[in-house]
Amino acid sequence: MGIEFIELSAEHSVARMPVEGNTQVVGLLHGGAHVVLGESLGSISSAIHAGPGKYVVGIEINATHSRSITEGWVTGTCTALVLGRTLATHEIVMRDEQGRRLSTVRMTNMVRDL
């Protein structure tokens, strides 16, 4: 996938991914690639929130695709919506290099004891 993590925290994380190598047959960035980037950011941010002695499992994810892209890089910005004792919910917005919104992913993770 070529994901590069730029910033990681429970509240705010950023990563980027190239379009090249992640396209579907007509050359557009695959919708699933948007979700992979979003889920990677949401899961890592939730794990940071959970802390030592705990782990997280995804219990819900959804994506809305707003714009297509055929080249360049996609940047995902993950923002915490809820950081609770048992649940962590994040919104991840994917943007192109011009700052245009490509997709929005929302993910909820359950925090569990090891």
PDB file of N, CA and C in Angstrom:
ATOM      1  N   MET A   1       0.823  -1.198   0.000  1.00  0.00           N
ATOM      2  CA  MET A   1       0.000   0.000   0.000  1.00  0.00           C
ATOM      3  C   MET A   1       0.866   1.261   0.000  1.00  0.00           C
ATOM      4  N   GLY A   2       2.073   1.161   0.555  1.00  0.00           N
ATOM      5  CA  GLY A   2       2.975   2.305   0.560  1.00  0.00           C
ATOM      6  C   GLY A   2       2.607   3.393   1.552  1.00  0.00           C
ATOM      7  N   ILE A   3       1.894   3.046   2.615  1.00  0.00           N
ATOM      8  CA  ILE A   3       1.466   4.039   3.603  1.00  0.00           C
ATOM      9  C   ILE A   3       2.669   4.544   4.385  1.00  0.00           C
ATOM     10  N   GLU A   4       2.745   5.862   4.520  1.00  0.00           N
ATOM     11  CA  GLU A   4       3.791   6.523   5.308  1.00  0.00           C
ATOM     12  C   GLU A   4       3.116   7.270   6.451  1.00  0.00           C
ATOM     13  N   PHE A   5       3.458   6.904   7.692  1.00  0.00           N
ATOM     14  CA  PHE A   5       2.883   7.569   8.859  1.00  0.00           C
ATOM     15  C   PHE A   5       3.688   8.814   9.175  1.00  0.00           C
ATOM     16  N   ILE A   6       3.000   9.925   9.364  1.00  0.00           N
ATOM     17  CA  ILE A   6       3.637  11.223   9.568  1.00  0.00           C
ATOM     18  C   ILE A   6       3.516  11.665  11.021  1.00  0.00           C
ATOM     19  N   GLU A   7       2.350  11.463  11.613  1.00  0.00           N
ATOM     20  CA  GLU A   7       2.082  11.892  12.982  1.00  0.00           C
ATOM     21  C   GLU A   7       1.145  10.877  13.603  1.00  0.00           C
ATOM     22  N   LEU A   8       1.417  10.466  14.850  1.00  0.00           N
ATOM     23  CA  LEU A   8       0.564   9.477  15.509  1.00  0.00           C
ATOM     24  C   LEU A   8       0.280   9.875  16.945  1.00  0.00           C
ATOM     25  N   SER A   9      -1.007   9.966  17.282  1.00  0.00           N
ATOM     26  CA  SER A   9      -1.449  10.158  18.662  1.00  0.00           C
ATOM     27  C   SER A   9      -2.888   9.666  18.743  1.00  0.00           C
ATOM     28  N   ALA A  10      -3.413   9.567  19.943  1.00  0.00           N
ATOM     29  CA  ALA A  10      -4.798   9.123  20.107  1.00  0.00           C
ATOM     30  C   ALA A  10      -5.780  10.140  19.535  1.00  0.00           C
ATOM     31  N   GLU A  11      -5.451  11.419  19.667  1.00  0.00           N
ATOM     32  CA  GLU A  11      -6.372  12.487  19.262  1.00  0.00           C
ATOM     33  C   GLU A  11      -6.253  12.893  17.801  1.00  0.00           C
ATOM     34  N   HIS A  12      -5.026  12.780  17.235  1.00  0.00           N
ATOM     35  CA  HIS A  12      -4.800  13.307  15.879  1.00  0.00           C
ATOM     36  C   HIS A  12      -3.641  12.546  15.233  1.00  0.00           C
ATOM     37  N   SER A  13      -3.906  11.924  14.097  1.00  0.00           N
ATOM     38  CA  SER A  13      -2.872  11.194  13.370  1.00  0.00           C
ATOM     39  C   SER A  13      -2.950  11.532  11.892  1.00  0.00           C
ATOM     40  N   VAL A  14      -1.806  11.436  11.220  1.00  0.00           N
ATOM     41  CA  VAL A  14      -1.730  11.758   9.792  1.00  0.00           C
ATOM     42  C   VAL A  14      -0.854  10.718   9.100  1.00  0.00           C
ATOM     43  N   ALA A  15      -1.293  10.279   7.919  1.00  0.00           N
ATOM     44  CA  ALA A  15      -0.504   9.374   7.083  1.00  0.00           C
ATOM     45  C   ALA A  15      -0.812   9.689   5.627  1.00  0.00           C
ATOM     46  N   ARG A  16       0.072   9.228   4.749  1.00  0.00           N
ATOM     47  CA  ARG A  16      -0.179   9.421   3.316  1.00  0.00           C
ATOM     48  C   ARG A  16       0.095   8.130   2.574  1.00  0.00           C
ATOM     49  N   MET A  17      -0.476   8.059   1.373  1.00  0.00           N
ATOM     50  CA  MET A  17      -0.404   6.839   0.572  1.00  0.00           C
ATOM     51  C   MET A  17      -0.362   7.235  -0.908  1.00  0.00           C
ATOM     52  N   PRO A  18       0.470   6.574  -1.707  1.00  0.00           N
ATOM     53  CA  PRO A  18       0.489   6.895  -3.138  1.00  0.00           C
ATOM     54  C   PRO A  18      -0.721   6.299  -3.857  1.00  0.00           C
ATOM     55  N   VAL A  19      -1.168   6.980  -4.884  1.00  0.00           N
ATOM     56  CA  VAL A  19      -2.226   6.419  -5.731  1.00  0.00           C
ATOM     57  C   VAL A  19      -1.645   5.270  -6.552  1.00  0.00           C
ATOM     58  N   GLU A  20      -0.451   5.471  -7.079  1.00  0.00           N
ATOM     59  CA  GLU A  20       0.183   4.454  -7.912  1.00  0.00           C
ATOM     60  C   GLU A  20       0.319   3.137  -7.141  1.00  0.00           C
ATOM     61  N   GLY A  21      -0.126   2.062  -7.766  1.00  0.00           N
ATOM     62  CA  GLY A  21      -0.085   0.748  -7.147  1.00  0.00           C
ATOM     63  C   GLY A  21      -1.327   0.410  -6.345  1.00  0.00           C
ATOM     64  N   ASN A  22      -2.230   1.372  -6.186  1.00  0.00           N
ATOM     65  CA  ASN A  22      -3.445   1.170  -5.389  1.00  0.00           C
ATOM     66  C   ASN A  22      -4.716   1.503  -6.171  1.00  0.00           C
ATOM     67  N   THR A  23      -4.654   1.298  -7.484  1.00  0.00           N
ATOM     68  CA  THR A  23      -5.793   1.655  -8.329  1.00  0.00           C
ATOM     69  C   THR A  23      -6.611   0.428  -8.720  1.00  0.00           C
ATOM     70  N   GLN A  24      -7.847   0.693  -9.124  1.00  0.00           N
ATOM     71  CA  GLN A  24      -8.670  -0.368  -9.699  1.00  0.00           C
ATOM     72  C   GLN A  24      -8.500  -0.323 -11.222  1.00  0.00           C
ATOM     73  N   VAL A  25      -9.209  -1.156 -11.946  1.00  0.00           N
ATOM     74  CA  VAL A  25      -8.908  -1.390 -13.370  1.00  0.00           C
ATOM     75  C   VAL A  25      -9.003  -0.167 -14.271  1.00  0.00           C
ATOM     76  N   VAL A  26      -9.801   0.834 -13.944  1.00  0.00           N
ATOM     77  CA  VAL A  26      -9.891   2.014 -14.809  1.00  0.00           C
ATOM     78  C   VAL A  26      -8.960   3.139 -14.368  1.00  0.00           C
ATOM     79  N   GLY A  27      -8.061   2.855 -13.409  1.00  0.00           N
ATOM     80  CA  GLY A  27      -7.040   3.821 -13.036  1.00  0.00           C
ATOM     81  C   GLY A  27      -7.355   4.723 -11.863  1.00  0.00           C
ATOM     82  N   LEU A  28      -8.527   4.572 -11.262  1.00  0.00           N
ATOM     83  CA  LEU A  28      -8.885   5.375 -10.087  1.00  0.00           C
ATOM     84  C   LEU A  28      -8.366   4.706  -8.822  1.00  0.00           C
ATOM     85  N   LEU A  29      -8.038   5.524  -7.810  1.00  0.00           N
ATOM     86  CA  LEU A  29      -7.677   4.955  -6.517  1.00  0.00           C
ATOM     87  C   LEU A  29      -8.830   4.077  -6.048  1.00  0.00           C
ATOM     88  N   HIS A  30      -8.518   2.851  -5.708  1.00  0.00           N
ATOM     89  CA  HIS A  30      -9.526   1.874  -5.297  1.00  0.00           C
ATOM     90  C   HIS A  30     -10.208   2.344  -4.017  1.00  0.00           C
ATOM     91  N   GLY A  31     -11.534   2.221  -3.957  1.00  0.00           N
ATOM     92  CA  GLY A  31     -12.275   2.598  -2.752  1.00  0.00           C
ATOM     93  C   GLY A  31     -11.786   1.859  -1.527  1.00  0.00           C
ATOM     94  N   GLY A  32     -11.397   0.604  -1.702  1.00  0.00           N
ATOM     95  CA  GLY A  32     -10.870  -0.170  -0.591  1.00  0.00           C
ATOM     96  C   GLY A  32      -9.562   0.385  -0.063  1.00  0.00           C
ATOM     97  N   ALA A  33      -8.778   1.027  -0.932  1.00  0.00           N
ATOM     98  CA  ALA A  33      -7.518   1.632  -0.489  1.00  0.00           C
ATOM     99  C   ALA A  33      -7.801   2.805   0.446  1.00  0.00           C
ATOM    100  N   HIS A  34      -8.856   3.573   0.148  1.00  0.00           N
ATOM    101  CA  HIS A  34      -9.275   4.647   1.061  1.00  0.00           C
ATOM    102  C   HIS A  34      -9.563   4.055   2.440  1.00  0.00           C
ATOM    103  N   VAL A  35     -10.280   2.943   2.448  1.00  0.00           N
ATOM    104  CA  VAL A  35     -10.680   2.318   3.712  1.00  0.00           C
ATOM    105  C   VAL A  35      -9.466   1.746   4.446  1.00  0.00           C
ATOM    106  N   VAL A  36      -8.519   1.173   3.706  1.00  0.00           N
ATOM    107  CA  VAL A  36      -7.296   0.650   4.338  1.00  0.00           C
ATOM    108  C   VAL A  36      -6.536   1.784   5.034  1.00  0.00           C
ATOM    109  N   LEU A  37      -6.384   2.913   4.358  1.00  0.00           N
ATOM    110  CA  LEU A  37      -5.700   4.049   4.965  1.00  0.00           C
ATOM    111  C   LEU A  37      -6.468   4.530   6.201  1.00  0.00           C
ATOM    112  N   GLY A  38      -7.782   4.646   6.073  1.00  0.00           N
ATOM    113  CA  GLY A  38      -8.604   5.087   7.201  1.00  0.00           C
ATOM    114  C   GLY A  38      -8.549   4.127   8.368  1.00  0.00           C
ATOM    115  N   GLU A  39      -8.672   2.835   8.089  1.00  0.00           N
ATOM    116  CA  GLU A  39      -8.658   1.848   9.167  1.00  0.00           C
ATOM    117  C   GLU A  39      -7.285   1.766   9.825  1.00  0.00           C
ATOM    118  N   SER A  40      -6.229   1.921   9.055  1.00  0.00           N
ATOM    119  CA  SER A  40      -4.884   1.912   9.633  1.00  0.00           C
ATOM    120  C   SER A  40      -4.724   3.059  10.631  1.00  0.00           C
ATOM    121  N   LEU A  41      -5.143   4.252  10.240  1.00  0.00           N
ATOM    122  CA  LEU A  41      -5.042   5.402  11.134  1.00  0.00           C
ATOM    123  C   LEU A  41      -5.949   5.256  12.352  1.00  0.00           C
ATOM    124  N   GLY A  42      -7.203   4.841  12.128  1.00  0.00           N
ATOM    125  CA  GLY A  42      -8.144   4.694  13.239  1.00  0.00           C
ATOM    126  C   GLY A  42      -7.719   3.633  14.232  1.00  0.00           C
ATOM    127  N   SER A  43      -7.195   2.520  13.733  1.00  0.00           N
ATOM    128  CA  SER A  43      -6.760   1.436  14.617  1.00  0.00           C
ATOM    129  C   SER A  43      -5.543   1.825  15.440  1.00  0.00           C
ATOM    130  N   ILE A  44      -4.556   2.455  14.798  1.00  0.00           N
ATOM    131  CA  ILE A  44      -3.357   2.855  15.522  1.00  0.00           C
ATOM    132  C   ILE A  44      -3.682   3.931  16.556  1.00  0.00           C
ATOM    133  N   SER A  45      -4.497   4.895  16.177  1.00  0.00           N
ATOM    134  CA  SER A  45      -4.869   5.948  17.125  1.00  0.00           C
ATOM    135  C   SER A  45      -5.629   5.365  18.316  1.00  0.00           C
ATOM    136  N   SER A  46      -6.519   4.404  18.055  1.00  0.00           N
ATOM    137  CA  SER A  46      -7.265   3.756  19.141  1.00  0.00           C
ATOM    138  C   SER A  46      -6.349   2.949  20.042  1.00  0.00           C
ATOM    139  N   ALA A  47      -5.364   2.263  19.457  1.00  0.00           N
ATOM    140  CA  ALA A  47      -4.413   1.481  20.248  1.00  0.00           C
ATOM    141  C   ALA A  47      -3.571   2.391  21.149  1.00  0.00           C
ATOM    142  N   ILE A  48      -3.184   3.544  20.637  1.00  0.00           N
ATOM    143  CA  ILE A  48      -2.446   4.505  21.455  1.00  0.00           C
ATOM    144  C   ILE A  48      -3.318   4.956  22.621  1.00  0.00           C
ATOM    145  N   HIS A  49      -4.592   5.241  22.342  1.00  0.00           N
ATOM    146  CA  HIS A  49      -5.525   5.635  23.399  1.00  0.00           C
ATOM    147  C   HIS A  49      -5.678   4.530  24.444  1.00  0.00           C
ATOM    148  N   ALA A  50      -5.793   3.292  24.008  1.00  0.00           N
ATOM    149  CA  ALA A  50      -6.007   2.164  24.923  1.00  0.00           C
ATOM    150  C   ALA A  50      -4.844   2.022  25.894  1.00  0.00           C
ATOM    151  N   GLY A  51      -3.628   2.163  25.403  1.00  0.00           N
ATOM    152  CA  GLY A  51      -2.454   2.094  26.251  1.00  0.00           C
ATOM    153  C   GLY A  51      -2.026   0.677  26.593  1.00  0.00           C
ATOM    154  N   PRO A  52      -1.004   0.577  27.452  1.00  0.00           N
ATOM    155  CA  PRO A  52      -0.438  -0.727  27.817  1.00  0.00           C
ATOM    156  C   PRO A  52      -1.466  -1.631  28.505  1.00  0.00           C
ATOM    157  N   GLY A  53      -1.365  -2.928  28.240  1.00  0.00           N
ATOM    158  CA  GLY A  53      -2.247  -3.900  28.873  1.00  0.00           C
ATOM    159  C   GLY A  53      -3.622  -3.999  28.250  1.00  0.00           C
ATOM    160  N   LYS A  54      -3.827  -3.292  27.140  1.00  0.00           N
ATOM    161  CA  LYS A  54      -5.117  -3.324  26.447  1.00  0.00           C
ATOM    162  C   LYS A  54      -4.871  -3.475  24.950  1.00  0.00           C
ATOM    163  N   TYR A  55      -5.912  -3.886  24.242  1.00  0.00           N
ATOM    164  CA  TYR A  55      -5.854  -3.937  22.786  1.00  0.00           C
ATOM    165  C   TYR A  55      -7.200  -3.467  22.257  1.00  0.00           C
ATOM    166  N   VAL A  56      -7.256  -3.196  20.959  1.00  0.00           N
ATOM    167  CA  VAL A  56      -8.504  -2.715  20.362  1.00  0.00           C
ATOM    168  C   VAL A  56      -8.928  -3.632  19.230  1.00  0.00           C
ATOM    169  N   VAL A  57     -10.234  -3.714  19.035  1.00  0.00           N
ATOM    170  CA  VAL A  57     -10.808  -4.454  17.912  1.00  0.00           C
ATOM    171  C   VAL A  57     -11.843  -3.555  17.237  1.00  0.00           C
ATOM    172  N   GLY A  58     -11.786  -3.532  15.917  1.00  0.00           N
ATOM    173  CA  GLY A  58     -12.749  -2.741  15.170  1.00  0.00           C
ATOM    174  C   GLY A  58     -14.132  -3.364  15.238  1.00  0.00           C
ATOM    175  N   ILE A  59     -15.132  -2.530  15.532  1.00  0.00           N
ATOM    176  CA  ILE A  59     -16.503  -3.039  15.576  1.00  0.00           C
ATOM    177  C   ILE A  59     -17.415  -2.371  14.549  1.00  0.00           C
ATOM    178  N   GLU A  60     -16.926  -1.275  13.933  1.00  0.00           N
ATOM    179  CA  GLU A  60     -17.733  -0.614  12.901  1.00  0.00           C
ATOM    180  C   GLU A  60     -16.823   0.276  12.066  1.00  0.00           C
ATOM    181  N   ILE A  61     -17.067   0.256  10.751  1.00  0.00           N
ATOM    182  CA  ILE A  61     -16.359   1.164   9.850  1.00  0.00           C
ATOM    183  C   ILE A  61     -17.282   1.481   8.682  1.00  0.00           C
ATOM    184  N   ASN A  62     -17.245   2.735   8.234  1.00  0.00           N
ATOM    185  CA  ASN A  62     -17.980   3.090   7.022  1.00  0.00           C
ATOM    186  C   ASN A  62     -17.204   4.144   6.261  1.00  0.00           C
ATOM    187  N   ALA A  63     -17.496   4.254   4.987  1.00  0.00           N
ATOM    188  CA  ALA A  63     -16.781   5.197   4.135  1.00  0.00           C
ATOM    189  C   ALA A  63     -17.738   5.870   3.162  1.00  0.00           C
ATOM    190  N   THR A  64     -17.517   7.146   2.954  1.00  0.00           N
ATOM    191  CA  THR A  64     -18.222   7.904   1.931  1.00  0.00           C
ATOM    192  C   THR A  64     -17.171   8.440   0.974  1.00  0.00           C
ATOM    193  N   HIS A  65     -17.279   8.076  -0.300  1.00  0.00           N
ATOM    194  CA  HIS A  65     -16.333   8.515  -1.324  1.00  0.00           C
ATOM    195  C   HIS A  65     -16.932   9.722  -2.037  1.00  0.00           C
ATOM    196  N   SER A  66     -16.215  10.841  -2.010  1.00  0.00           N
ATOM    197  CA  SER A  66     -16.735  12.105  -2.537  1.00  0.00           C
ATOM    198  C   SER A  66     -16.119  12.519  -3.858  1.00  0.00           C
ATOM    199  N   ARG A  67     -14.880  12.073  -4.119  1.00  0.00           N
ATOM    200  CA  ARG A  67     -14.164  12.519  -5.309  1.00  0.00           C
ATOM    201  C   ARG A  67     -13.141  11.450  -5.672  1.00  0.00           C
ATOM    202  N   SER A  68     -12.901  11.275  -6.960  1.00  0.00           N
ATOM    203  CA  SER A  68     -11.912  10.281  -7.386  1.00  0.00           C
ATOM    204  C   SER A  68     -10.551  10.943  -7.597  1.00  0.00           C
ATOM    205  N   ILE A  69      -9.533  10.091  -7.689  1.00  0.00           N
ATOM    206  CA  ILE A  69      -8.172  10.562  -7.907  1.00  0.00           C
ATOM    207  C   ILE A  69      -7.444   9.502  -8.741  1.00  0.00           C
ATOM    208  N   THR A  70      -6.564   9.946  -9.664  1.00  0.00           N
ATOM    209  CA  THR A  70      -5.860   9.017 -10.546  1.00  0.00           C
ATOM    210  C   THR A  70      -4.344   9.072 -10.423  1.00  0.00           C
ATOM    211  N   GLU A  71      -3.814  10.068  -9.707  1.00  0.00           N
ATOM    212  CA  GLU A  71      -2.366  10.179  -9.553  1.00  0.00           C
ATOM    213  C   GLU A  71      -2.035  11.006  -8.321  1.00  0.00           C
ATOM    214  N   GLY A  72      -0.773  10.903  -7.907  1.00  0.00           N
ATOM    215  CA  GLY A  72      -0.314  11.690  -6.771  1.00  0.00           C
ATOM    216  C   GLY A  72      -0.414  10.939  -5.453  1.00  0.00           C
ATOM    217  N   TRP A  73      -0.621  11.694  -4.396  1.00  0.00           N
ATOM    218  CA  TRP A  73      -0.671  11.160  -3.039  1.00  0.00           C
ATOM    219  C   TRP A  73      -1.989  11.534  -2.370  1.00  0.00           C
ATOM    220  N   VAL A  74      -2.428  10.665  -1.499  1.00  0.00           N
ATOM    221  CA  VAL A  74      -3.614  10.897  -0.674  1.00  0.00           C
ATOM    222  C   VAL A  74      -3.129  11.024   0.767  1.00  0.00           C
ATOM    223  N   THR A  75      -3.595  12.048   1.462  1.00  0.00           N
ATOM    224  CA  THR A  75      -3.253  12.225   2.869  1.00  0.00           C
ATOM    225  C   THR A  75      -4.487  12.009   3.718  1.00  0.00           C
ATOM    226  N   GLY A  76      -4.356  11.142   4.725  1.00  0.00           N
ATOM    227  CA  GLY A  76      -5.435  10.875   5.663  1.00  0.00           C
ATOM    228  C   GLY A  76      -5.167  11.576   6.974  1.00  0.00           C
ATOM    229  N   THR A  77      -6.161  12.309   7.468  1.00  0.00           N
ATOM    230  CA  THR A  77      -6.067  12.984   8.758  1.00  0.00           C
ATOM    231  C   THR A  77      -7.137  12.404   9.672  1.00  0.00           C
ATOM    232  N   CYS A  78      -6.696  11.827  10.773  1.00  0.00           N
ATOM    233  CA  CYS A  78      -7.551  11.114  11.713  1.00  0.00           C
ATOM    234  C   CYS A  78      -7.787  11.984  12.941  1.00  0.00           C
ATOM    235  N   THR A  79      -9.057  12.203  13.272  1.00  0.00           N
ATOM    236  CA  THR A  79      -9.426  13.024  14.419  1.00  0.00           C
ATOM    237  C   THR A  79     -10.328  12.216  15.342  1.00  0.00           C
ATOM    238  N   ALA A  80     -10.006  12.224  16.624  1.00  0.00           N
ATOM    239  CA  ALA A  80     -10.827  11.504  17.601  1.00  0.00           C
ATOM    240  C   ALA A  80     -12.172  12.200  17.767  1.00  0.00           C
ATOM    241  N   LEU A  81     -13.235  11.413  17.757  1.00  0.00           N
ATOM    242  CA  LEU A  81     -14.579  11.908  18.064  1.00  0.00           C
ATOM    243  C   LEU A  81     -14.958  11.540  19.498  1.00  0.00           C
ATOM    244  N   VAL A  82     -14.615  10.312  19.898  1.00  0.00           N
ATOM    245  CA  VAL A  82     -14.885   9.815  21.252  1.00  0.00           C
ATOM    246  C   VAL A  82     -13.689   8.974  21.691  1.00  0.00           C
ATOM    247  N   LEU A  83     -13.155   9.280  22.860  1.00  0.00           N
ATOM    248  CA  LEU A  83     -12.087   8.470  23.454  1.00  0.00           C
ATOM    249  C   LEU A  83     -12.556   8.069  24.845  1.00  0.00           C
ATOM    250  N   GLY A  84     -13.266   6.946  24.902  1.00  0.00           N
ATOM    251  CA  GLY A  84     -13.835   6.498  26.160  1.00  0.00           C
ATOM    252  C   GLY A  84     -13.079   5.330  26.760  1.00  0.00           C
ATOM    253  N   ARG A  85     -13.620   4.827  27.856  1.00  0.00           N
ATOM    254  CA  ARG A  85     -12.998   3.698  28.547  1.00  0.00           C
ATOM    255  C   ARG A  85     -13.116   2.419  27.741  1.00  0.00           C
ATOM    256  N   THR A  86     -14.236   2.238  27.023  1.00  0.00           N
ATOM    257  CA  THR A  86     -14.450   1.000  26.274  1.00  0.00           C
ATOM    258  C   THR A  86     -14.580   1.192  24.769  1.00  0.00           C
ATOM    259  N   LEU A  87     -14.799   2.416  24.308  1.00  0.00           N
ATOM    260  CA  LEU A  87     -14.939   2.678  22.874  1.00  0.00           C
ATOM    261  C   LEU A  87     -14.097   3.876  22.458  1.00  0.00           C
ATOM    262  N   ALA A  88     -13.565   3.799  21.243  1.00  0.00           N
ATOM    263  CA  ALA A  88     -12.852   4.923  20.630  1.00  0.00           C
ATOM    264  C   ALA A  88     -13.376   5.070  19.203  1.00  0.00           C
ATOM    265  N   THR A  89     -13.847   6.263  18.870  1.00  0.00           N
ATOM    266  CA  THR A  89     -14.364   6.532  17.530  1.00  0.00           C
ATOM    267  C   THR A  89     -13.546   7.648  16.907  1.00  0.00           C
ATOM    268  N   HIS A  90     -13.149   7.418  15.653  1.00  0.00           N
ATOM    269  CA  HIS A  90     -12.346   8.391  14.905  1.00  0.00           C
ATOM    270  C   HIS A  90     -12.980   8.669  13.546  1.00  0.00           C
ATOM    271  N   GLU A  91     -12.799   9.889  13.085  1.00  0.00           N
ATOM    272  CA  GLU A  91     -13.154  10.267  11.718  1.00  0.00           C
ATOM    273  C   GLU A  91     -11.850  10.501  10.975  1.00  0.00           C
ATOM    274  N   ILE A  92     -11.740   9.881   9.802  1.00  0.00           N
ATOM    275  CA  ILE A  92     -10.536  10.021   8.997  1.00  0.00           C
ATOM    276  C   ILE A  92     -10.932  10.622   7.647  1.00  0.00           C
ATOM    277  N   VAL A  93     -10.348  11.768   7.328  1.00  0.00           N
ATOM    278  CA  VAL A  93     -10.644  12.469   6.081  1.00  0.00           C
ATOM    279  C   VAL A  93      -9.448  12.319   5.152  1.00  0.00           C
ATOM    280  N   MET A  94      -9.701  11.816   3.934  1.00  0.00           N
ATOM    281  CA  MET A  94      -8.673  11.682   2.915  1.00  0.00           C
ATOM    282  C   MET A  94      -8.759  12.876   1.964  1.00  0.00           C
ATOM    283  N   ARG A  95      -7.601  13.486   1.698  1.00  0.00           N
ATOM    284  CA  ARG A  95      -7.546  14.640   0.803  1.00  0.00           C
ATOM    285  C   ARG A  95      -6.442  14.446  -0.230  1.00  0.00           C
ATOM    286  N   ASP A  96      -6.625  15.094  -1.390  1.00  0.00           N
ATOM    287  CA  ASP A  96      -5.588  15.061  -2.420  1.00  0.00           C
ATOM    288  C   ASP A  96      -4.554  16.150  -2.120  1.00  0.00           C
ATOM    289  N   GLU A  97      -3.566  16.277  -2.990  1.00  0.00           N
ATOM    290  CA  GLU A  97      -2.488  17.236  -2.759  1.00  0.00           C
ATOM    291  C   GLU A  97      -2.944  18.690  -2.847  1.00  0.00           C
ATOM    292  N   GLN A  98      -4.121  18.927  -3.410  1.00  0.00           N
ATOM    293  CA  GLN A  98      -4.688  20.274  -3.463  1.00  0.00           C
ATOM    294  C   GLN A  98      -5.619  20.544  -2.268  1.00  0.00           C
ATOM    295  N   GLY A  99      -5.744  19.581  -1.373  1.00  0.00           N
ATOM    296  CA  GLY A  99      -6.575  19.756  -0.185  1.00  0.00           C
ATOM    297  C   GLY A  99      -8.046  19.430  -0.378  1.00  0.00           C
ATOM    298  N   ARG A 100      -8.392  18.857  -1.535  1.00  0.00           N
ATOM    299  CA  ARG A 100      -9.800  18.514  -1.790  1.00  0.00           C
ATOM    300  C   ARG A 100     -10.152  17.200  -1.098  1.00  0.00           C
ATOM    301  N   ARG A 101     -11.321  17.167  -0.452  1.00  0.00           N
ATOM    302  CA  ARG A 101     -11.785  15.960   0.233  1.00  0.00           C
ATOM    303  C   ARG A 101     -12.116  14.880  -0.790  1.00  0.00           C
ATOM    304  N   LEU A 102     -11.508  13.714  -0.588  1.00  0.00           N
ATOM    305  CA  LEU A 102     -11.752  12.562  -1.457  1.00  0.00           C
ATOM    306  C   LEU A 102     -12.727  11.582  -0.816  1.00  0.00           C
ATOM    307  N   SER A 103     -12.558  11.356   0.477  1.00  0.00           N
ATOM    308  CA  SER A 103     -13.437  10.422   1.178  1.00  0.00           C
ATOM    309  C   SER A 103     -13.390  10.694   2.670  1.00  0.00           C
ATOM    310  N   THR A 104     -14.395  10.158   3.350  1.00  0.00           N
ATOM    311  CA  THR A 104     -14.498  10.265   4.799  1.00  0.00           C
ATOM    312  C   THR A 104     -14.771   8.878   5.348  1.00  0.00           C
ATOM    313  N   VAL A 105     -13.952   8.455   6.300  1.00  0.00           N
ATOM    314  CA  VAL A 105     -14.118   7.150   6.946  1.00  0.00           C
ATOM    315  C   VAL A 105     -14.392   7.403   8.423  1.00  0.00           C
ATOM    316  N   ARG A 106     -15.348   6.681   8.984  1.00  0.00           N
ATOM    317  CA  ARG A 106     -15.581   6.729  10.428  1.00  0.00           C
ATOM    318  C   ARG A 106     -15.398   5.326  10.965  1.00  0.00           C
ATOM    319  N   MET A 107     -14.636   5.206  12.043  1.00  0.00           N
ATOM    320  CA  MET A 107     -14.318   3.889  12.600  1.00  0.00           C
ATOM    321  C   MET A 107     -14.498   3.905  14.111  1.00  0.00           C
ATOM    322  N   THR A 108     -15.102   2.828  14.638  1.00  0.00           N
ATOM    323  CA  THR A 108     -15.216   2.647  16.080  1.00  0.00           C
ATOM    324  C   THR A 108     -14.490   1.373  16.476  1.00  0.00           C
ATOM    325  N   ASN A 109     -13.655   1.489  17.495  1.00  0.00           N
ATOM    326  CA  ASN A 109     -12.927   0.361  18.058  1.00  0.00           C
ATOM    327  C   ASN A 109     -13.380   0.129  19.493  1.00  0.00           C
ATOM    328  N   MET A 110     -13.427  -1.125  19.889  1.00  0.00           N
ATOM    329  CA  MET A 110     -13.700  -1.494  21.277  1.00  0.00           C
ATOM    330  C   MET A 110     -12.367  -1.712  21.965  1.00  0.00           C
ATOM    331  N   VAL A 111     -12.226  -1.150  23.157  1.00  0.00           N
ATOM    332  CA  VAL A 111     -11.015  -1.302  23.956  1.00  0.00           C
ATOM    333  C   VAL A 111     -11.200  -2.508  24.865  1.00  0.00           C
ATOM    334  N   ARG A 112     -10.247  -3.440  24.802  1.00  0.00           N
ATOM    335  CA  ARG A 112     -10.328  -4.694  25.572  1.00  0.00           C
ATOM    336  C   ARG A 112      -9.082  -4.868  26.428  1.00  0.00           C
ATOM    337  N   ASP A 113      -9.235  -5.601  27.529  1.00  0.00           N
ATOM    338  CA  ASP A 113      -8.082  -5.975  28.357  1.00  0.00           C
ATOM    339  C   ASP A 113      -7.384  -7.164  27.722  1.00  0.00           C
ATOM    340  N   LEU A 114      -6.061  -7.198  27.865  1.00  0.00           N
ATOM    341  CA  LEU A 114      -5.296  -8.361  27.374  1.00  0.00           C
ATOM    342  C   LEU A 114      -5.628  -9.602  28.179  1.00  0.00           C
TER     343      LEU A 114
END
